[in-house]
Amino acid sequence: MENLTSAISVQVDANDKEVANSILKKLGLNMSTYVNMAIKQLINKDGVPFEVVNPKPSKELLEALEEVEEMIHNKEKYPRYNNWEELKGALLSDD
């Protein structure tokens, strides 16, 4: 039985295409092979073969971002260090 093929044309961001091609080249693949692999996985999994979600920052990350905002807007409340030795001294002091 003959294997018939069909062309697919898609629009992608030029930078994304360049980065993807670079990664694929390192893996010994090309874009056509990758797209065929992705389609086979879509068929085998009967759905998208990876998780598709809206990324949500963790509670810890949100707290850290709030802390950074506090430090940016209230610089006078936080010490500054000119070099590693000053920072190390402050960290090792008993104050």
PDB file of N, CA and C in Angstrom:
ATOM      1  N   MET A   1       0.843  -1.180   0.000  1.00  0.00           N
ATOM      2  CA  MET A   1       0.000   0.000   0.000  1.00  0.00           C
ATOM      3  C   MET A   1       0.889   1.245   0.000  1.00  0.00           C
ATOM      4  N   GLU A   2       0.550   2.196  -0.850  1.00  0.00           N
ATOM      5  CA  GLU A   2       1.313   3.425  -0.972  1.00  0.00           C
ATOM      6  C   GLU A   2       1.067   4.352   0.211  1.00  0.00           C
ATOM      7  N   ASN A   3       2.152   5.010   0.654  1.00  0.00           N
ATOM      8  CA  ASN A   3       2.025   6.024   1.701  1.00  0.00           C
ATOM      9  C   ASN A   3       1.872   7.376   1.029  1.00  0.00           C
ATOM     10  N   LEU A   4       0.711   7.976   1.113  1.00  0.00           N
ATOM     11  CA  LEU A   4       0.490   9.287   0.532  1.00  0.00           C
ATOM     12  C   LEU A   4       0.872  10.350   1.558  1.00  0.00           C
ATOM     13  N   THR A   5       1.477  11.424   1.104  1.00  0.00           N
ATOM     14  CA  THR A   5       1.846  12.510   2.006  1.00  0.00           C
ATOM     15  C   THR A   5       1.089  13.766   1.613  1.00  0.00           C
ATOM     16  N   SER A   6       0.993  14.668   2.541  1.00  0.00           N
ATOM     17  CA  SER A   6       0.300  15.928   2.322  1.00  0.00           C
ATOM     18  C   SER A   6       1.118  17.046   2.959  1.00  0.00           C
ATOM     19  N   ALA A   7       1.234  18.166   2.290  1.00  0.00           N
ATOM     20  CA  ALA A   7       2.011  19.302   2.808  1.00  0.00           C
ATOM     21  C   ALA A   7       1.181  20.104   3.791  1.00  0.00           C
ATOM     22  N   ILE A   8       1.874  20.664   4.769  1.00  0.00           N
ATOM     23  CA  ILE A   8       1.265  21.562   5.757  1.00  0.00           C
ATOM     24  C   ILE A   8       2.067  22.857   5.733  1.00  0.00           C
ATOM     25  N   SER A   9       1.376  23.970   5.734  1.00  0.00           N
ATOM     26  CA  SER A   9       2.037  25.264   5.799  1.00  0.00           C
ATOM     27  C   SER A   9       1.555  25.985   7.049  1.00  0.00           C
ATOM     28  N   VAL A  10       2.478  26.413   7.894  1.00  0.00           N
ATOM     29  CA  VAL A  10       2.108  27.121   9.116  1.00  0.00           C
ATOM     30  C   VAL A  10       2.926  28.403   9.237  1.00  0.00           C
ATOM     31  N   GLN A  11       2.360  29.391   9.904  1.00  0.00           N
ATOM     32  CA  GLN A  11       3.047  30.646  10.169  1.00  0.00           C
ATOM     33  C   GLN A  11       3.558  30.609  11.599  1.00  0.00           C
ATOM     34  N   VAL A  12       4.846  30.878  11.782  1.00  0.00           N
ATOM     35  CA  VAL A  12       5.439  30.934  13.118  1.00  0.00           C
ATOM     36  C   VAL A  12       6.316  32.175  13.224  1.00  0.00           C
ATOM     37  N   ASP A  13       6.533  32.612  14.438  1.00  0.00           N
ATOM     38  CA  ASP A  13       7.436  33.724  14.693  1.00  0.00           C
ATOM     39  C   ASP A  13       8.823  33.365  14.156  1.00  0.00           C
ATOM     40  N   ALA A  14       9.448  34.298  13.441  1.00  0.00           N
ATOM     41  CA  ALA A  14      10.742  34.023  12.803  1.00  0.00           C
ATOM     42  C   ALA A  14      11.801  33.635  13.826  1.00  0.00           C
ATOM     43  N   ASN A  15      11.841  34.306  14.964  1.00  0.00           N
ATOM     44  CA  ASN A  15      12.829  33.971  15.999  1.00  0.00           C
ATOM     45  C   ASN A  15      12.560  32.589  16.582  1.00  0.00           C
ATOM     46  N   ASP A  16      11.292  32.277  16.835  1.00  0.00           N
ATOM     47  CA  ASP A  16      10.943  30.949  17.348  1.00  0.00           C
ATOM     48  C   ASP A  16      11.396  29.854  16.381  1.00  0.00           C
ATOM     49  N   LYS A  17      11.191  30.095  15.087  1.00  0.00           N
ATOM     50  CA  LYS A  17      11.598  29.112  14.079  1.00  0.00           C
ATOM     51  C   LYS A  17      13.112  28.917  14.105  1.00  0.00           C
ATOM     52  N   GLU A  18      13.848  30.009  14.207  1.00  0.00           N
ATOM     53  CA  GLU A  18      15.314  29.937  14.236  1.00  0.00           C
ATOM     54  C   GLU A  18      15.802  29.161  15.451  1.00  0.00           C
ATOM     55  N   VAL A  19      15.236  29.457  16.619  1.00  0.00           N
ATOM     56  CA  VAL A  19      15.638  28.760  17.850  1.00  0.00           C
ATOM     57  C   VAL A  19      15.277  27.280  17.756  1.00  0.00           C
ATOM     58  N   ALA A  20      14.058  27.006  17.284  1.00  0.00           N
ATOM     59  CA  ALA A  20      13.616  25.609  17.156  1.00  0.00           C
ATOM     60  C   ALA A  20      14.512  24.836  16.193  1.00  0.00           C
ATOM     61  N   ASN A  21      14.843  25.437  15.059  1.00  0.00           N
ATOM     62  CA  ASN A  21      15.718  24.766  14.090  1.00  0.00           C
ATOM     63  C   ASN A  21      17.091  24.479  14.687  1.00  0.00           C
ATOM     64  N   SER A  22      17.589  25.408  15.483  1.00  0.00           N
ATOM     65  CA  SER A  22      18.893  25.214  16.127  1.00  0.00           C
ATOM     66  C   SER A  22      18.855  24.030  17.092  1.00  0.00           C
ATOM     67  N   ILE A  23      17.807  23.950  17.879  1.00  0.00           N
ATOM     68  CA  ILE A  23      17.653  22.837  18.832  1.00  0.00           C
ATOM     69  C   ILE A  23      17.522  21.516  18.073  1.00  0.00           C
ATOM     70  N   LEU A  24      16.672  21.508  17.055  1.00  0.00           N
ATOM     71  CA  LEU A  24      16.466  20.286  16.279  1.00  0.00           C
ATOM     72  C   LEU A  24      17.745  19.822  15.613  1.00  0.00           C
ATOM     73  N   LYS A  25      18.531  20.761  15.098  1.00  0.00           N
ATOM     74  CA  LYS A  25      19.797  20.407  14.451  1.00  0.00           C
ATOM     75  C   LYS A  25      20.720  19.701  15.438  1.00  0.00           C
ATOM     76  N   LYS A  26      20.772  20.201  16.681  1.00  0.00           N
ATOM     77  CA  LYS A  26      21.606  19.568  17.709  1.00  0.00           C
ATOM     78  C   LYS A  26      21.129  18.152  18.020  1.00  0.00           C
ATOM     79  N   LEU A  27      19.842  17.920  17.825  1.00  0.00           N
ATOM     80  CA  LEU A  27      19.264  16.594  18.071  1.00  0.00           C
ATOM     81  C   LEU A  27      19.335  15.692  16.835  1.00  0.00           C
ATOM     82  N   GLY A  28      19.864  16.234  15.745  1.00  0.00           N
ATOM     83  CA  GLY A  28      19.950  15.455  14.519  1.00  0.00           C
ATOM     84  C   GLY A  28      18.625  15.349  13.785  1.00  0.00           C
ATOM     85  N   LEU A  29      17.732  16.307  14.023  1.00  0.00           N
ATOM     86  CA  LEU A  29      16.411  16.304  13.403  1.00  0.00           C
ATOM     87  C   LEU A  29      16.237  17.552  12.551  1.00  0.00           C
ATOM     88  N   ASN A  30      15.186  17.552  11.745  1.00  0.00           N
ATOM     89  CA  ASN A  30      14.800  18.770  11.035  1.00  0.00           C
ATOM     90  C   ASN A  30      13.339  19.063  11.369  1.00  0.00           C
ATOM     91  N   MET A  31      12.851  20.201  10.921  1.00  0.00           N
ATOM     92  CA  MET A  31      11.493  20.626  11.272  1.00  0.00           C
ATOM     93  C   MET A  31      10.445  19.649  10.762  1.00  0.00           C
ATOM     94  N   SER A  32      10.625  19.146   9.560  1.00  0.00           N
ATOM     95  CA  SER A  32       9.656  18.215   8.995  1.00  0.00           C
ATOM     96  C   SER A  32       9.547  16.945   9.839  1.00  0.00           C
ATOM     97  N   THR A  33      10.700  16.403  10.221  1.00  0.00           N
ATOM     98  CA  THR A  33      10.702  15.195  11.063  1.00  0.00           C
ATOM     99  C   THR A  33      10.030  15.466  12.392  1.00  0.00           C
ATOM    100  N   TYR A  34      10.332  16.622  12.974  1.00  0.00           N
ATOM    101  CA  TYR A  34       9.735  16.968  14.273  1.00  0.00           C
ATOM    102  C   TYR A  34       8.218  17.099  14.166  1.00  0.00           C
ATOM    103  N   VAL A  35       7.747  17.778  13.130  1.00  0.00           N
ATOM    104  CA  VAL A  35       6.297  17.956  12.969  1.00  0.00           C
ATOM    105  C   VAL A  35       5.640  16.590  12.792  1.00  0.00           C
ATOM    106  N   ASN A  36       6.251  15.708  12.014  1.00  0.00           N
ATOM    107  CA  ASN A  36       5.699  14.362  11.857  1.00  0.00           C
ATOM    108  C   ASN A  36       5.680  13.608  13.185  1.00  0.00           C
ATOM    109  N   MET A  37       6.745  13.756  13.981  1.00  0.00           N
ATOM    110  CA  MET A  37       6.779  13.114  15.305  1.00  0.00           C
ATOM    111  C   MET A  37       5.659  13.660  16.185  1.00  0.00           C
ATOM    112  N   ALA A  38       5.474  14.982  16.173  1.00  0.00           N
ATOM    113  CA  ALA A  38       4.440  15.608  17.003  1.00  0.00           C
ATOM    114  C   ALA A  38       3.051  15.122  16.592  1.00  0.00           C
ATOM    115  N   ILE A  39       2.824  15.014  15.290  1.00  0.00           N
ATOM    116  CA  ILE A  39       1.525  14.535  14.807  1.00  0.00           C
ATOM    117  C   ILE A  39       1.295  13.087  15.219  1.00  0.00           C
ATOM    118  N   LYS A  40       2.323  12.245  15.100  1.00  0.00           N
ATOM    119  CA  LYS A  40       2.193  10.843  15.521  1.00  0.00           C
ATOM    120  C   LYS A  40       1.862  10.755  17.016  1.00  0.00           C
ATOM    121  N   GLN A  41       2.500  11.591  17.833  1.00  0.00           N
ATOM    122  CA  GLN A  41       2.218  11.584  19.262  1.00  0.00           C
ATOM    123  C   GLN A  41       0.800  12.080  19.547  1.00  0.00           C
ATOM    124  N   LEU A  42       0.357  13.080  18.822  1.00  0.00           N
ATOM    125  CA  LEU A  42      -1.016  13.566  18.954  1.00  0.00           C
ATOM    126  C   LEU A  42      -2.006  12.433  18.686  1.00  0.00           C
ATOM    127  N   ILE A  43      -1.733  11.664  17.642  1.00  0.00           N
ATOM    128  CA  ILE A  43      -2.595  10.537  17.292  1.00  0.00           C
ATOM    129  C   ILE A  43      -2.505   9.446  18.358  1.00  0.00           C
ATOM    130  N   ASN A  44      -1.279   9.089  18.772  1.00  0.00           N
ATOM    131  CA  ASN A  44      -1.099   8.019  19.760  1.00  0.00           C
ATOM    132  C   ASN A  44      -1.733   8.357  21.104  1.00  0.00           C
ATOM    133  N   LYS A  45      -1.659   9.607  21.501  1.00  0.00           N
ATOM    134  CA  LYS A  45      -2.202  10.023  22.804  1.00  0.00           C
ATOM    135  C   LYS A  45      -3.673  10.412  22.711  1.00  0.00           C
ATOM    136  N   ASP A  46      -4.174  10.513  21.495  1.00  0.00           N
ATOM    137  CA  ASP A  46      -5.554  10.956  21.260  1.00  0.00           C
ATOM    138  C   ASP A  46      -5.789  12.335  21.888  1.00  0.00           C
ATOM    139  N   GLY A  47      -4.793  13.176  21.777  1.00  0.00           N
ATOM    140  CA  GLY A  47      -4.859  14.527  22.322  1.00  0.00           C
ATOM    141  C   GLY A  47      -3.478  15.146  22.303  1.00  0.00           C
ATOM    142  N   VAL A  48      -3.390  16.361  22.772  1.00  0.00           N
ATOM    143  CA  VAL A  48      -2.095  17.062  22.807  1.00  0.00           C
ATOM    144  C   VAL A  48      -1.166  16.308  23.754  1.00  0.00           C
ATOM    145  N   PRO A  49       0.044  15.955  23.300  1.00  0.00           N
ATOM    146  CA  PRO A  49       0.931  15.103  24.098  1.00  0.00           C
ATOM    147  C   PRO A  49       1.741  15.833  25.178  1.00  0.00           C
ATOM    148  N   PHE A  50       1.296  17.014  25.554  1.00  0.00           N
ATOM    149  CA  PHE A  50       1.940  17.746  26.638  1.00  0.00           C
ATOM    150  C   PHE A  50       0.879  18.600  27.304  1.00  0.00           C
ATOM    151  N   GLU A  51       1.180  19.026  28.512  1.00  0.00           N
ATOM    152  CA  GLU A  51       0.227  19.809  29.276  1.00  0.00           C
ATOM    153  C   GLU A  51       0.110  21.218  28.690  1.00  0.00           C
ATOM    154  N   VAL A  52      -1.117  21.654  28.470  1.00  0.00           N
ATOM    155  CA  VAL A  52      -1.373  23.002  27.967  1.00  0.00           C
ATOM    156  C   VAL A  52      -2.131  23.753  29.057  1.00  0.00           C
ATOM    157  N   VAL A  53      -1.430  24.657  29.734  1.00  0.00           N
ATOM    158  CA  VAL A  53      -2.032  25.392  30.850  1.00  0.00           C
ATOM    159  C   VAL A  53      -1.559  26.838  30.825  1.00  0.00           C
ATOM    160  N   ASN A  54      -2.280  27.686  31.505  1.00  0.00           N
ATOM    161  CA  ASN A  54      -1.808  29.038  31.746  1.00  0.00           C
ATOM    162  C   ASN A  54      -0.866  28.972  32.934  1.00  0.00           C
ATOM    163  N   PRO A  55       0.387  29.378  32.752  1.00  0.00           N
ATOM    164  CA  PRO A  55       1.330  29.298  33.872  1.00  0.00           C
ATOM    165  C   PRO A  55       0.916  30.237  34.996  1.00  0.00           C
ATOM    166  N   LYS A  56       0.961  29.732  36.206  1.00  0.00           N
ATOM    167  CA  LYS A  56       0.629  30.534  37.382  1.00  0.00           C
ATOM    168  C   LYS A  56       1.830  30.518  38.317  1.00  0.00           C
ATOM    169  N   PRO A  57       2.253  31.702  38.751  1.00  0.00           N
ATOM    170  CA  PRO A  57       3.395  31.742  39.671  1.00  0.00           C
ATOM    171  C   PRO A  57       3.032  31.115  41.012  1.00  0.00           C
ATOM    172  N   SER A  58       4.020  30.489  41.633  1.00  0.00           N
ATOM    173  CA  SER A  58       3.795  29.868  42.933  1.00  0.00           C
ATOM    174  C   SER A  58       3.605  30.943  44.004  1.00  0.00           C
ATOM    175  N   LYS A  59       3.059  30.538  45.130  1.00  0.00           N
ATOM    176  CA  LYS A  59       2.871  31.446  46.269  1.00  0.00           C
ATOM    177  C   LYS A  59       4.216  32.026  46.695  1.00  0.00           C
ATOM    178  N   GLU A  60       5.255  31.184  46.708  1.00  0.00           N
ATOM    179  CA  GLU A  60       6.590  31.626  47.115  1.00  0.00           C
ATOM    180  C   GLU A  60       7.129  32.692  46.167  1.00  0.00           C
ATOM    181  N   LEU A  61       6.911  32.490  44.868  1.00  0.00           N
ATOM    182  CA  LEU A  61       7.387  33.471  43.894  1.00  0.00           C
ATOM    183  C   LEU A  61       6.660  34.793  44.064  1.00  0.00           C
ATOM    184  N   LEU A  62       5.343  34.754  44.255  1.00  0.00           N
ATOM    185  CA  LEU A  62       4.579  35.982  44.450  1.00  0.00           C
ATOM    186  C   LEU A  62       5.052  36.729  45.697  1.00  0.00           C
ATOM    187  N   GLU A  63       5.328  35.983  46.777  1.00  0.00           N
ATOM    188  CA  GLU A  63       5.828  36.616  48.000  1.00  0.00           C
ATOM    189  C   GLU A  63       7.199  37.244  47.766  1.00  0.00           C
ATOM    190  N   ALA A  64       8.055  36.563  47.037  1.00  0.00           N
ATOM    191  CA  ALA A  64       9.389  37.096  46.746  1.00  0.00           C
ATOM    192  C   ALA A  64       9.287  38.359  45.895  1.00  0.00           C
ATOM    193  N   LEU A  65       8.389  38.367  44.928  1.00  0.00           N
ATOM    194  CA  LEU A  65       8.206  39.553  44.091  1.00  0.00           C
ATOM    195  C   LEU A  65       7.690  40.736  44.912  1.00  0.00           C
ATOM    196  N   GLU A  66       6.789  40.472  45.843  1.00  0.00           N
ATOM    197  CA  GLU A  66       6.303  41.531  46.733  1.00  0.00           C
ATOM    198  C   GLU A  66       7.445  42.088  47.582  1.00  0.00           C
ATOM    199  N   GLU A  67       8.299  41.206  48.069  1.00  0.00           N
ATOM    200  CA  GLU A  67       9.440  41.628  48.879  1.00  0.00           C
ATOM    201  C   GLU A  67      10.397  42.503  48.062  1.00  0.00           C
ATOM    202  N   VAL A  68      10.635  42.123  46.839  1.00  0.00           N
ATOM    203  CA  VAL A  68      11.507  42.917  45.973  1.00  0.00           C
ATOM    204  C   VAL A  68      10.897  44.289  45.716  1.00  0.00           C
ATOM    205  N   GLU A  69       9.597  44.336  45.457  1.00  0.00           N
ATOM    206  CA  GLU A  69       8.919  45.623  45.263  1.00  0.00           C
ATOM    207  C   GLU A  69       9.081  46.509  46.489  1.00  0.00           C
ATOM    208  N   GLU A  70       8.910  45.924  47.657  1.00  0.00           N
ATOM    209  CA  GLU A  70       9.096  46.655  48.922  1.00  0.00           C
ATOM    210  C   GLU A  70      10.507  47.217  48.996  1.00  0.00           C
ATOM    211  N   MET A  71      11.489  46.422  48.655  1.00  0.00           N
ATOM    212  CA  MET A  71      12.885  46.857  48.721  1.00  0.00           C
ATOM    213  C   MET A  71      13.167  47.967  47.701  1.00  0.00           C
ATOM    214  N   ILE A  72      12.580  47.870  46.529  1.00  0.00           N
ATOM    215  CA  ILE A  72      12.791  48.887  45.497  1.00  0.00           C
ATOM    216  C   ILE A  72      12.201  50.226  45.922  1.00  0.00           C
ATOM    217  N   HIS A  73      11.015  50.185  46.525  1.00  0.00           N
ATOM    218  CA  HIS A  73      10.319  51.425  46.878  1.00  0.00           C
ATOM    219  C   HIS A  73      10.740  51.994  48.232  1.00  0.00           C
ATOM    220  N   ASN A  74      11.484  51.242  49.004  1.00  0.00           N
ATOM    221  CA  ASN A  74      11.934  51.707  50.323  1.00  0.00           C
ATOM    222  C   ASN A  74      13.417  51.400  50.503  1.00  0.00           C
ATOM    223  N   LYS A  75      14.225  51.885  49.594  1.00  0.00           N
ATOM    224  CA  LYS A  75      15.658  51.579  49.584  1.00  0.00           C
ATOM    225  C   LYS A  75      16.342  51.970  50.888  1.00  0.00           C
ATOM    226  N   GLU A  76      15.870  53.042  51.510  1.00  0.00           N
ATOM    227  CA  GLU A  76      16.524  53.523  52.732  1.00  0.00           C
ATOM    228  C   GLU A  76      16.410  52.529  53.894  1.00  0.00           C
ATOM    229  N   LYS A  77      15.460  51.625  53.836  1.00  0.00           N
ATOM    230  CA  LYS A  77      15.275  50.644  54.919  1.00  0.00           C
ATOM    231  C   LYS A  77      16.196  49.430  54.792  1.00  0.00           C
ATOM    232  N   TYR A  78      16.883  49.311  53.650  1.00  0.00           N
ATOM    233  CA  TYR A  78      17.672  48.109  53.402  1.00  0.00           C
ATOM    234  C   TYR A  78      19.136  48.464  53.193  1.00  0.00           C
ATOM    235  N   PRO A  79      20.030  47.717  53.831  1.00  0.00           N
ATOM    236  CA  PRO A  79      21.456  48.032  53.699  1.00  0.00           C
ATOM    237  C   PRO A  79      21.967  47.768  52.284  1.00  0.00           C
ATOM    238  N   ARG A  80      23.026  48.489  51.944  1.00  0.00           N
ATOM    239  CA  ARG A  80      23.675  48.320  50.649  1.00  0.00           C
ATOM    240  C   ARG A  80      25.114  47.892  50.902  1.00  0.00           C
ATOM    241  N   TYR A  81      25.655  47.108  49.982  1.00  0.00           N
ATOM    242  CA  TYR A  81      27.028  46.632  50.117  1.00  0.00           C
ATOM    243  C   TYR A  81      27.778  46.935  48.826  1.00  0.00           C
ATOM    244  N   ASN A  82      29.016  47.342  48.975  1.00  0.00           N
ATOM    245  CA  ASN A  82      29.820  47.715  47.818  1.00  0.00           C
ATOM    246  C   ASN A  82      30.602  46.555  47.235  1.00  0.00           C
ATOM    247  N   ASN A  83      30.742  45.489  48.015  1.00  0.00           N
ATOM    248  CA  ASN A  83      31.494  44.345  47.510  1.00  0.00           C
ATOM    249  C   ASN A  83      31.127  43.102  48.323  1.00  0.00           C
ATOM    250  N   TRP A  84      31.644  42.001  47.877  1.00  0.00           N
ATOM    251  CA  TRP A  84      31.360  40.710  48.503  1.00  0.00           C
ATOM    252  C   TRP A  84      31.823  40.658  49.959  1.00  0.00           C
ATOM    253  N   GLU A  85      32.965  41.241  50.242  1.00  0.00           N
ATOM    254  CA  GLU A  85      33.499  41.204  51.603  1.00  0.00           C
ATOM    255  C   GLU A  85      32.572  41.929  52.585  1.00  0.00           C
ATOM    256  N   GLU A  86      32.021  43.069  52.181  1.00  0.00           N
ATOM    257  CA  GLU A  86      31.076  43.783  53.047  1.00  0.00           C
ATOM    258  C   GLU A  86      29.824  42.936  53.304  1.00  0.00           C
ATOM    259  N   LEU A  87      29.309  42.325  52.270  1.00  0.00           N
ATOM    260  CA  LEU A  87      28.128  41.474  52.417  1.00  0.00           C
ATOM    261  C   LEU A  87      28.436  40.286  53.313  1.00  0.00           C
ATOM    262  N   LYS A  88      29.566  39.642  53.079  1.00  0.00           N
ATOM    263  CA  LYS A  88      29.951  38.481  53.891  1.00  0.00           C
ATOM    264  C   LYS A  88      30.090  38.885  55.353  1.00  0.00           C
ATOM    265  N   GLY A  89      30.716  40.037  55.605  1.00  0.00           N
ATOM    266  CA  GLY A  89      30.864  40.521  56.978  1.00  0.00           C
ATOM    267  C   GLY A  89      29.530  40.738  57.646  1.00  0.00           C
ATOM    268  N   ALA A  90      28.585  41.317  56.913  1.00  0.00           N
ATOM    269  CA  ALA A  90      27.238  41.551  57.476  1.00  0.00           C
ATOM    270  C   ALA A  90      26.532  40.230  57.754  1.00  0.00           C
ATOM    271  N   LEU A  91      26.679  39.273  56.874  1.00  0.00           N
ATOM    272  CA  LEU A  91      26.013  37.978  57.067  1.00  0.00           C
ATOM    273  C   LEU A  91      26.601  37.203  58.240  1.00  0.00           C
ATOM    274  N   LEU A  92      27.891  37.355  58.481  1.00  0.00           N
ATOM    275  CA  LEU A  92      28.539  36.609  59.550  1.00  0.00           C
ATOM    276  C   LEU A  92      28.527  37.317  60.898  1.00  0.00           C
ATOM    277  N   SER A  93      28.089  38.570  60.904  1.00  0.00           N
ATOM    278  CA  SER A  93      28.066  39.313  62.176  1.00  0.00           C
ATOM    279  C   SER A  93      26.915  38.834  63.046  1.00  0.00           C
ATOM    280  N   ASP A  94      27.024  39.095  64.333  1.00  0.00           N
ATOM    281  CA  ASP A  94      25.991  38.671  65.292  1.00  0.00           C
ATOM    282  C   ASP A  94      24.895  39.698  65.459  1.00  0.00           C
ATOM    283  N   ASP A  95      24.944  40.817  64.748  1.00  0.00           N
ATOM    284  CA  ASP A  95      23.922  41.871  64.891  1.00  0.00           C
ATOM    285  C   ASP A  95      22.584  41.443  64.408  1.00  0.00           C
TER     286      ASP A  95
END
